Amino acid sequence: MKRPLSAVPEAAGHDAPTAGERRRRMSPRRWPFLTVEAGFRWLAALRRAPALHPRGLTCAATLEVVRDRGEPWGVPWLDTAGRYAALVRLSRAAGLPGRLPDGLGLAVRVASAGGPDRPVDLLLTSSGRGRVLRHLPVPRVDALGGPYSSLLPYRVAGRRGVLAAFPRRTAQAPVPGNPTALADALDGGPLVFDLCAAVSGGWRTFAVLTVTAPLAAQPQESVGFDIYAHSAEQFRPGGALAATRRAAYTGSRTGRARAGRRAGDLDG
């Protein structure tokens, strides 16, 4: 059954930690994660933007789930052909000048893929192709010059796998991964990516992502992509480094919020 295109929901809010949660956070086992959190909080506050991928281009997109000749995935939203509204953010990890290679980011929010008003987020980074290189970030200049990978494993119907987006070469010239160049490329037509998973064997395509145009009004605040808060039944990020990534997310969000409050105080 196809789901209608719908508006992309806002990111979920995050409540302040309780006293019990604060005590657990002070456990010595938590110290490495608190260090990561503090580092990302400092960097986000300094940049007044996400600690990583501070600048990007947010675009409207559609995602069409496709069926190949393989066995069913065992994932409800991947085993039912359908077309979904999506939000995409293309970015550079370190925010280096456009002429320099950088880790390129492809963040995707698929509206209602996990059920009514339950989006699914994907966070992919420019990577290599092989069994080892697909787990490593590869700096790049050309946004269409190679695959983007989840780097860390996903659990797909109880099986361990990796996700990737393979760009179709829709533009003949290289497309630098900075917002201005990406917007210029989209003026000439959509950017298309084949979304794939390698679970048991080679890559299998599960969807086609079509990035159509930049949003007319770019978000002033981060969209808040979160693969842990926005996952689907039988389709979730694995446990490897999960606590570290959550600490990084928390630190980045807190740093941005504090920088925003300080700016508000100065404006007042």
C-alpha atoms as a PDB file:
ATOM      1  CA  MET A   1       0.000   0.000   0.000  1.00  0.00           C
ATOM      2  CA  LYS A   2       1.415   3.347  -0.973  1.00  0.00           C
ATOM      3  CA  ARG A   3       1.558   6.093   1.610  1.00  0.00           C
ATOM      4  CA  PRO A   4       0.653   9.605   0.473  1.00  0.00           C
ATOM      5  CA  LEU A   5       3.228  12.321   0.359  1.00  0.00           C
ATOM      6  CA  SER A   6       2.995  14.295   3.571  1.00  0.00           C
ATOM      7  CA  ALA A   7       4.705  17.106   5.395  1.00  0.00           C
ATOM      8  CA  VAL A   8       7.952  16.225   7.108  1.00  0.00           C
ATOM      9  CA  PRO A   9       7.448  16.334  10.890  1.00  0.00           C
ATOM     10  CA  GLU A  10       9.622  18.351  13.193  1.00  0.00           C
ATOM     11  CA  ALA A  11      12.333  16.695  15.256  1.00  0.00           C
ATOM     12  CA  ALA A  12      11.227  15.380  18.633  1.00  0.00           C
ATOM     13  CA  GLY A  13      12.014  17.451  21.705  1.00  0.00           C
ATOM     14  CA  HIS A  14      14.445  16.332  24.390  1.00  0.00           C
ATOM     15  CA  ASP A  15      13.499  16.604  28.064  1.00  0.00           C
ATOM     16  CA  ALA A  16      15.995  17.652  30.736  1.00  0.00           C
ATOM     17  CA  PRO A  17      17.605  14.707  32.597  1.00  0.00           C
ATOM     18  CA  THR A  18      16.101  13.630  35.925  1.00  0.00           C
ATOM     19  CA  ALA A  19      18.093  13.458  39.184  1.00  0.00           C
ATOM     20  CA  GLY A  20      18.486   9.682  38.743  1.00  0.00           C
ATOM     21  CA  GLU A  21      19.752  10.114  35.202  1.00  0.00           C
ATOM     22  CA  ARG A  22      22.250  12.721  36.404  1.00  0.00           C
ATOM     23  CA  ARG A  23      23.595  10.281  39.027  1.00  0.00           C
ATOM     24  CA  ARG A  24      24.003   7.546  36.410  1.00  0.00           C
ATOM     25  CA  ARG A  25      25.831   9.976  34.163  1.00  0.00           C
ATOM     26  CA  MET A  26      28.448  10.537  36.897  1.00  0.00           C
ATOM     27  CA  SER A  27      29.414   6.848  37.019  1.00  0.00           C
ATOM     28  CA  PRO A  28      33.108   6.298  36.082  1.00  0.00           C
ATOM     29  CA  ARG A  29      31.930   4.121  33.191  1.00  0.00           C
ATOM     30  CA  ARG A  30      30.298   7.201  31.743  1.00  0.00           C
ATOM     31  CA  TRP A  31      33.409   9.395  31.860  1.00  0.00           C
ATOM     32  CA  PRO A  32      34.600   8.629  28.299  1.00  0.00           C
ATOM     33  CA  PHE A  33      31.141   9.456  26.959  1.00  0.00           C
ATOM     34  CA  LEU A  34      30.959  12.626  29.050  1.00  0.00           C
ATOM     35  CA  THR A  35      34.295  13.656  27.546  1.00  0.00           C
ATOM     36  CA  VAL A  36      32.907  13.149  24.037  1.00  0.00           C
ATOM     37  CA  GLU A  37      29.760  15.051  24.978  1.00  0.00           C
ATOM     38  CA  ALA A  38      31.767  17.955  26.405  1.00  0.00           C
ATOM     39  CA  GLY A  39      33.960  18.165  23.314  1.00  0.00           C
ATOM     40  CA  PHE A  40      31.003  18.267  20.946  1.00  0.00           C
ATOM     41  CA  ARG A  41      29.204  20.758  23.199  1.00  0.00           C
ATOM     42  CA  TRP A  42      32.210  23.095  23.123  1.00  0.00           C
ATOM     43  CA  LEU A  43      32.615  22.855  19.339  1.00  0.00           C
ATOM     44  CA  ALA A  44      28.901  23.387  18.655  1.00  0.00           C
ATOM     45  CA  ALA A  45      28.825  26.419  20.959  1.00  0.00           C
ATOM     46  CA  LEU A  46      31.904  27.845  19.242  1.00  0.00           C
ATOM     47  CA  ARG A  47      30.366  27.390  15.792  1.00  0.00           C
ATOM     48  CA  ARG A  48      26.790  28.192  16.845  1.00  0.00           C
ATOM     49  CA  ALA A  49      25.960  25.283  14.580  1.00  0.00           C
ATOM     50  CA  PRO A  50      26.204  21.467  14.706  1.00  0.00           C
ATOM     51  CA  ALA A  51      29.660  20.357  15.842  1.00  0.00           C
ATOM     52  CA  LEU A  52      30.041  18.359  12.631  1.00  0.00           C
ATOM     53  CA  HIS A  53      28.448  19.233   9.299  1.00  0.00           C
ATOM     54  CA  PRO A  54      27.904  22.842  10.458  1.00  0.00           C
ATOM     55  CA  ARG A  55      26.807  24.182   7.066  1.00  0.00           C
ATOM     56  CA  GLY A  56      24.661  22.420   4.530  1.00  0.00           C
ATOM     57  CA  LEU A  57      21.859  22.652   2.001  1.00  0.00           C
ATOM     58  CA  THR A  58      18.428  21.377   3.052  1.00  0.00           C
ATOM     59  CA  CYS A  59      16.301  20.116   0.188  1.00  0.00           C
ATOM     60  CA  ALA A  60      12.931  18.639  -0.639  1.00  0.00           C
ATOM     61  CA  ALA A  61      13.055  15.073  -1.910  1.00  0.00           C
ATOM     62  CA  THR A  62      11.025  11.954  -2.560  1.00  0.00           C
ATOM     63  CA  LEU A  63      11.942   8.395  -1.665  1.00  0.00           C
ATOM     64  CA  GLU A  64      10.440   5.503  -3.608  1.00  0.00           C
ATOM     65  CA  VAL A  65      10.721   2.028  -2.102  1.00  0.00           C
ATOM     66  CA  VAL A  66      11.454  -0.515  -4.839  1.00  0.00           C
ATOM     67  CA  ARG A  67      11.345  -4.303  -4.849  1.00  0.00           C
ATOM     68  CA  ASP A  68      14.099  -6.346  -6.419  1.00  0.00           C
ATOM     69  CA  ARG A  69      14.093 -10.085  -7.133  1.00  0.00           C
ATOM     70  CA  GLY A  70      15.593 -11.001  -3.785  1.00  0.00           C
ATOM     71  CA  GLU A  71      13.893 -12.348  -0.694  1.00  0.00           C
ATOM     72  CA  PRO A  72      11.704  -9.998   1.371  1.00  0.00           C
ATOM     73  CA  TRP A  73      13.696  -7.841   3.758  1.00  0.00           C
ATOM     74  CA  GLY A  74      11.545  -8.644   6.768  1.00  0.00           C
ATOM     75  CA  VAL A  75      11.116  -4.902   7.318  1.00  0.00           C
ATOM     76  CA  PRO A  76       7.548  -3.595   6.889  1.00  0.00           C
ATOM     77  CA  TRP A  77       8.377  -0.337   5.138  1.00  0.00           C
ATOM     78  CA  LEU A  78      10.927  -1.947   2.795  1.00  0.00           C
ATOM     79  CA  ASP A  79       8.650  -4.839   1.817  1.00  0.00           C
ATOM     80  CA  THR A  80       5.819  -2.572   0.646  1.00  0.00           C
ATOM     81  CA  ALA A  81       6.340  -0.479  -2.469  1.00  0.00           C
ATOM     82  CA  GLY A  82       5.492   3.147  -1.815  1.00  0.00           C
ATOM     83  CA  ARG A  83       6.488   6.752  -2.297  1.00  0.00           C
ATOM     84  CA  TYR A  84       7.319   9.054   0.611  1.00  0.00           C
ATOM     85  CA  ALA A  85       8.047  12.723   1.106  1.00  0.00           C
ATOM     86  CA  ALA A  86      11.570  13.264   2.384  1.00  0.00           C
ATOM     87  CA  LEU A  87      13.875  15.964   3.643  1.00  0.00           C
ATOM     88  CA  VAL A  88      17.567  15.828   2.693  1.00  0.00           C
ATOM     89  CA  ARG A  89      20.551  17.763   3.992  1.00  0.00           C
ATOM     90  CA  LEU A  90      23.805  17.710   2.014  1.00  0.00           C
ATOM     91  CA  SER A  91      26.808  18.982   3.941  1.00  0.00           C
ATOM     92  CA  ARG A  92      30.548  18.984   4.582  1.00  0.00           C
ATOM     93  CA  ALA A  93      31.706  17.413   7.853  1.00  0.00           C
ATOM     94  CA  ALA A  94      34.481  19.793   8.887  1.00  0.00           C
ATOM     95  CA  GLY A  95      33.170  22.819   7.012  1.00  0.00           C
ATOM     96  CA  LEU A  96      36.436  23.193   5.063  1.00  0.00           C
ATOM     97  CA  PRO A  97      36.618  25.465   1.998  1.00  0.00           C
ATOM     98  CA  GLY A  98      34.886  23.937  -1.011  1.00  0.00           C
ATOM     99  CA  ARG A  99      38.084  23.395  -3.007  1.00  0.00           C
ATOM    100  CA  LEU A 100      39.420  21.015  -0.318  1.00  0.00           C
ATOM    101  CA  PRO A 101      38.298  17.397   0.164  1.00  0.00           C
ATOM    102  CA  ASP A 102      36.005  16.937   3.147  1.00  0.00           C
ATOM    103  CA  GLY A 103      33.774  14.246   4.560  1.00  0.00           C
ATOM    104  CA  LEU A 104      30.492  14.729   2.722  1.00  0.00           C
ATOM    105  CA  GLY A 105      27.226  14.084   4.522  1.00  0.00           C
ATOM    106  CA  LEU A 106      23.863  12.889   3.233  1.00  0.00           C
ATOM    107  CA  ALA A 107      21.157  13.101   5.907  1.00  0.00           C
ATOM    108  CA  VAL A 108      17.669  11.870   5.014  1.00  0.00           C
ATOM    109  CA  ARG A 109      14.373  12.109   6.887  1.00  0.00           C
ATOM    110  CA  VAL A 110      11.639   9.914   5.381  1.00  0.00           C
ATOM    111  CA  ALA A 111       8.200  11.105   6.489  1.00  0.00           C
ATOM    112  CA  SER A 112       5.954   8.447   8.077  1.00  0.00           C
ATOM    113  CA  ALA A 113       8.185   5.546   6.979  1.00  0.00           C
ATOM    114  CA  GLY A 114       7.969   4.061  10.484  1.00  0.00           C
ATOM    115  CA  GLY A 115       4.201   4.552  10.635  1.00  0.00           C
ATOM    116  CA  PRO A 116       1.866   7.567  10.782  1.00  0.00           C
ATOM    117  CA  ASP A 117       3.840  10.620  11.932  1.00  0.00           C
ATOM    118  CA  ARG A 118       6.887   8.419  12.612  1.00  0.00           C
ATOM    119  CA  PRO A 119       9.800   9.462  10.388  1.00  0.00           C
ATOM    120  CA  VAL A 120      12.891   7.382   9.687  1.00  0.00           C
ATOM    121  CA  ASP A 121      16.256   9.164   9.615  1.00  0.00           C
ATOM    122  CA  LEU A 122      19.364   8.010   7.749  1.00  0.00           C
ATOM    123  CA  LEU A 123      22.825   9.508   8.266  1.00  0.00           C
ATOM    124  CA  LEU A 124      25.356   8.626   5.580  1.00  0.00           C
ATOM    125  CA  THR A 125      28.941   9.777   5.013  1.00  0.00           C
ATOM    126  CA  SER A 126      31.180   9.677   1.942  1.00  0.00           C
ATOM    127  CA  SER A 127      33.005   6.350   2.019  1.00  0.00           C
ATOM    128  CA  GLY A 128      34.744   3.685   0.000  1.00  0.00           C
ATOM    129  CA  ARG A 129      33.112   0.744  -1.766  1.00  0.00           C
ATOM    130  CA  GLY A 130      34.813  -2.445  -0.550  1.00  0.00           C
ATOM    131  CA  ARG A 131      34.027  -4.566   2.496  1.00  0.00           C
ATOM    132  CA  VAL A 132      36.520  -2.619   4.610  1.00  0.00           C
ATOM    133  CA  LEU A 133      36.367   0.837   3.008  1.00  0.00           C
ATOM    134  CA  ARG A 134      32.578   0.991   3.303  1.00  0.00           C
ATOM    135  CA  HIS A 135      33.144   1.384   7.059  1.00  0.00           C
ATOM    136  CA  LEU A 136      35.612   4.277   6.683  1.00  0.00           C
ATOM    137  CA  PRO A 137      34.908   7.936   5.863  1.00  0.00           C
ATOM    138  CA  VAL A 138      36.577   9.077   2.645  1.00  0.00           C
ATOM    139  CA  PRO A 139      37.063  12.844   2.125  1.00  0.00           C
ATOM    140  CA  ARG A 140      35.879  14.011  -1.257  1.00  0.00           C
ATOM    141  CA  VAL A 141      35.245  17.169  -3.286  1.00  0.00           C
ATOM    142  CA  ASP A 142      32.644  15.861  -5.757  1.00  0.00           C
ATOM    143  CA  ALA A 143      29.255  15.172  -4.144  1.00  0.00           C
ATOM    144  CA  LEU A 144      28.515  12.639  -6.892  1.00  0.00           C
ATOM    145  CA  GLY A 145      31.996  11.111  -6.901  1.00  0.00           C
ATOM    146  CA  GLY A 146      31.287   7.967  -4.878  1.00  0.00           C
ATOM    147  CA  PRO A 147      29.069   6.246  -2.337  1.00  0.00           C
ATOM    148  CA  TYR A 148      27.842   7.402   1.052  1.00  0.00           C
ATOM    149  CA  SER A 149      27.717   4.808   3.829  1.00  0.00           C
ATOM    150  CA  SER A 150      26.222   4.397   7.303  1.00  0.00           C
ATOM    151  CA  LEU A 151      29.799   3.356   8.281  1.00  0.00           C
ATOM    152  CA  LEU A 152      28.501   1.499  11.353  1.00  0.00           C
ATOM    153  CA  PRO A 153      26.238  -1.568  11.169  1.00  0.00           C
ATOM    154  CA  TYR A 154      22.450  -1.600  11.039  1.00  0.00           C
ATOM    155  CA  ARG A 155      20.151  -4.343  12.295  1.00  0.00           C
ATOM    156  CA  VAL A 156      17.863  -5.276   9.417  1.00  0.00           C
ATOM    157  CA  ALA A 157      15.280  -7.838  10.546  1.00  0.00           C
ATOM    158  CA  GLY A 158      17.784  -9.172  13.083  1.00  0.00           C
ATOM    159  CA  ARG A 159      20.634  -9.385  10.585  1.00  0.00           C
ATOM    160  CA  ARG A 160      23.749  -7.231  10.593  1.00  0.00           C
ATOM    161  CA  GLY A 161      24.239  -5.026   7.562  1.00  0.00           C
ATOM    162  CA  VAL A 162      25.446  -1.702   6.194  1.00  0.00           C
ATOM    163  CA  LEU A 163      23.474   0.966   4.339  1.00  0.00           C
ATOM    164  CA  ALA A 164      24.751   3.048   1.436  1.00  0.00           C
ATOM    165  CA  ALA A 165      23.623   5.605  -1.125  1.00  0.00           C
ATOM    166  CA  PHE A 166      25.122   5.372  -4.612  1.00  0.00           C
ATOM    167  CA  PRO A 167      24.751   8.607  -6.611  1.00  0.00           C
ATOM    168  CA  ARG A 168      23.764   8.451 -10.234  1.00  0.00           C
ATOM    169  CA  ARG A 169      25.952  10.688 -12.374  1.00  0.00           C
ATOM    170  CA  THR A 170      23.220  13.162 -13.387  1.00  0.00           C
ATOM    171  CA  ALA A 171      25.736  15.979 -13.951  1.00  0.00           C
ATOM    172  CA  GLN A 172      28.735  15.617 -16.247  1.00  0.00           C
ATOM    173  CA  ALA A 173      30.990  17.989 -14.327  1.00  0.00           C
ATOM    174  CA  PRO A 174      31.966  17.399 -10.688  1.00  0.00           C
ATOM    175  CA  VAL A 175      29.541  18.864  -8.153  1.00  0.00           C
ATOM    176  CA  PRO A 176      31.418  20.353  -5.178  1.00  0.00           C
ATOM    177  CA  GLY A 177      29.693  19.515  -1.917  1.00  0.00           C
ATOM    178  CA  ASN A 178      29.167  23.112  -0.774  1.00  0.00           C
ATOM    179  CA  PRO A 179      25.673  24.663  -0.598  1.00  0.00           C
ATOM    180  CA  THR A 180      26.149  27.100  -3.492  1.00  0.00           C
ATOM    181  CA  ALA A 181      27.454  24.474  -5.931  1.00  0.00           C
ATOM    182  CA  LEU A 182      24.768  21.985  -4.898  1.00  0.00           C
ATOM    183  CA  ALA A 183      22.015  24.570  -5.431  1.00  0.00           C
ATOM    184  CA  ASP A 184      23.454  25.366  -8.869  1.00  0.00           C
ATOM    185  CA  ALA A 185      23.500  21.661  -9.751  1.00  0.00           C
ATOM    186  CA  LEU A 186      19.864  21.268  -8.669  1.00  0.00           C
ATOM    187  CA  ASP A 187      18.912  24.126 -11.002  1.00  0.00           C
ATOM    188  CA  GLY A 188      19.852  21.750 -13.812  1.00  0.00           C
ATOM    189  CA  GLY A 189      17.775  18.827 -12.523  1.00  0.00           C
ATOM    190  CA  PRO A 190      17.375  16.491  -9.560  1.00  0.00           C
ATOM    191  CA  LEU A 191      20.150  14.541  -7.871  1.00  0.00           C
ATOM    192  CA  VAL A 192      19.339  10.833  -7.696  1.00  0.00           C
ATOM    193  CA  PHE A 193      20.721   8.197  -5.323  1.00  0.00           C
ATOM    194  CA  ASP A 194      20.150   4.438  -5.193  1.00  0.00           C
ATOM    195  CA  LEU A 195      19.757   3.439  -1.533  1.00  0.00           C
ATOM    196  CA  CYS A 196      21.163  -0.018  -0.861  1.00  0.00           C
ATOM    197  CA  ALA A 197      21.835  -2.439   1.966  1.00  0.00           C
ATOM    198  CA  ALA A 198      24.443  -5.182   2.200  1.00  0.00           C
ATOM    199  CA  VAL A 199      23.079  -7.712   4.696  1.00  0.00           C
ATOM    200  CA  SER A 200      24.079 -11.152   3.508  1.00  0.00           C
ATOM    201  CA  GLY A 201      26.116 -10.842   0.350  1.00  0.00           C
ATOM    202  CA  GLY A 202      26.306  -7.956  -2.092  1.00  0.00           C
ATOM    203  CA  TRP A 203      24.427  -4.697  -2.282  1.00  0.00           C
ATOM    204  CA  ARG A 204      20.669  -4.760  -2.853  1.00  0.00           C
ATOM    205  CA  THR A 205      18.712  -1.646  -3.771  1.00  0.00           C
ATOM    206  CA  PHE A 206      15.742  -0.930  -1.504  1.00  0.00           C
ATOM    207  CA  ALA A 207      14.810   2.609  -2.574  1.00  0.00           C
ATOM    208  CA  VAL A 208      15.531   5.462  -4.972  1.00  0.00           C
ATOM    209  CA  LEU A 209      16.051   8.907  -3.441  1.00  0.00           C
ATOM    210  CA  THR A 210      15.388  11.901  -5.694  1.00  0.00           C
ATOM    211  CA  VAL A 211      16.549  15.275  -4.379  1.00  0.00           C
ATOM    212  CA  THR A 212      14.463  17.842  -6.224  1.00  0.00           C
ATOM    213  CA  ALA A 213      15.194  21.385  -5.012  1.00  0.00           C
ATOM    214  CA  PRO A 214      16.531  23.394  -2.077  1.00  0.00           C
ATOM    215  CA  LEU A 215      13.915  24.584   0.386  1.00  0.00           C
ATOM    216  CA  ALA A 216      12.958  28.169  -0.415  1.00  0.00           C
ATOM    217  CA  ALA A 217      13.544  29.093   3.219  1.00  0.00           C
ATOM    218  CA  GLN A 218      16.552  27.267   4.635  1.00  0.00           C
ATOM    219  CA  PRO A 219      16.045  26.192   8.292  1.00  0.00           C
ATOM    220  CA  GLN A 220      17.620  28.609  10.760  1.00  0.00           C
ATOM    221  CA  GLU A 221      17.967  25.811  13.314  1.00  0.00           C
ATOM    222  CA  SER A 222      19.321  22.303  12.794  1.00  0.00           C
ATOM    223  CA  VAL A 223      16.665  19.813  11.710  1.00  0.00           C
ATOM    224  CA  GLY A 224      17.945  17.426  14.377  1.00  0.00           C
ATOM    225  CA  PHE A 225      18.403  14.207  12.408  1.00  0.00           C
ATOM    226  CA  ASP A 226      18.648  11.333  14.912  1.00  0.00           C
ATOM    227  CA  ILE A 227      18.917   7.724  13.746  1.00  0.00           C
ATOM    228  CA  TYR A 228      18.184   6.412  17.247  1.00  0.00           C
ATOM    229  CA  ALA A 229      15.045   8.447  17.898  1.00  0.00           C
ATOM    230  CA  HIS A 230      13.793   8.031  14.325  1.00  0.00           C
ATOM    231  CA  SER A 231      14.114   4.383  13.307  1.00  0.00           C
ATOM    232  CA  ALA A 232      11.591   1.762  12.185  1.00  0.00           C
ATOM    233  CA  GLU A 233      10.478  -1.690  13.226  1.00  0.00           C
ATOM    234  CA  GLN A 234      13.199  -4.235  12.334  1.00  0.00           C
ATOM    235  CA  PHE A 235      15.343  -1.415  10.919  1.00  0.00           C
ATOM    236  CA  ARG A 236      17.599   0.155  13.533  1.00  0.00           C
ATOM    237  CA  PRO A 237      21.236   1.198  13.952  1.00  0.00           C
ATOM    238  CA  GLY A 238      23.341  -1.449  15.666  1.00  0.00           C
ATOM    239  CA  GLY A 239      24.828  -1.156  19.121  1.00  0.00           C
ATOM    240  CA  ALA A 240      28.417  -0.522  18.008  1.00  0.00           C
ATOM    241  CA  LEU A 241      29.519   2.871  19.373  1.00  0.00           C
ATOM    242  CA  ALA A 242      25.861   3.768  19.983  1.00  0.00           C
ATOM    243  CA  ALA A 243      26.621   5.348  23.372  1.00  0.00           C
ATOM    244  CA  THR A 244      29.437   7.399  21.850  1.00  0.00           C
ATOM    245  CA  ARG A 245      27.224   8.670  19.039  1.00  0.00           C
ATOM    246  CA  ARG A 246      24.427   9.537  21.458  1.00  0.00           C
ATOM    247  CA  ALA A 247      26.897  11.485  23.591  1.00  0.00           C
ATOM    248  CA  ALA A 248      28.049  13.382  20.502  1.00  0.00           C
ATOM    249  CA  TYR A 249      24.438  14.181  19.527  1.00  0.00           C
ATOM    250  CA  THR A 250      23.622  15.385  23.042  1.00  0.00           C
ATOM    251  CA  GLY A 251      26.729  17.546  23.276  1.00  0.00           C
ATOM    252  CA  SER A 252      26.139  19.117  19.877  1.00  0.00           C
ATOM    253  CA  ARG A 253      22.500  19.935  20.652  1.00  0.00           C
ATOM    254  CA  THR A 254      23.336  21.350  24.087  1.00  0.00           C
ATOM    255  CA  GLY A 255      26.149  23.483  22.696  1.00  0.00           C
ATOM    256  CA  ARG A 256      23.901  24.963  20.008  1.00  0.00           C
ATOM    257  CA  ALA A 257      21.168  25.680  22.546  1.00  0.00           C
ATOM    258  CA  ARG A 258      23.573  27.430  24.927  1.00  0.00           C
ATOM    259  CA  ALA A 259      25.052  29.510  22.121  1.00  0.00           C
ATOM    260  CA  GLY A 260      21.536  30.514  21.090  1.00  0.00           C
ATOM    261  CA  ARG A 261      20.645  31.572  24.629  1.00  0.00           C
ATOM    262  CA  ARG A 262      23.825  33.644  24.923  1.00  0.00           C
ATOM    263  CA  ALA A 263      23.080  35.336  21.602  1.00  0.00           C
ATOM    264  CA  GLY A 264      19.563  36.095  22.827  1.00  0.00           C
ATOM    265  CA  ASP A 265      20.917  37.631  26.026  1.00  0.00           C
ATOM    266  CA  LEU A 266      23.262  39.849  24.019  1.00  0.00           C
ATOM    267  CA  ASP A 267      20.483  40.891  21.651  1.00  0.00           C
ATOM    268  CA  GLY A 268      18.283  41.726  24.632  1.00  0.00           C
END
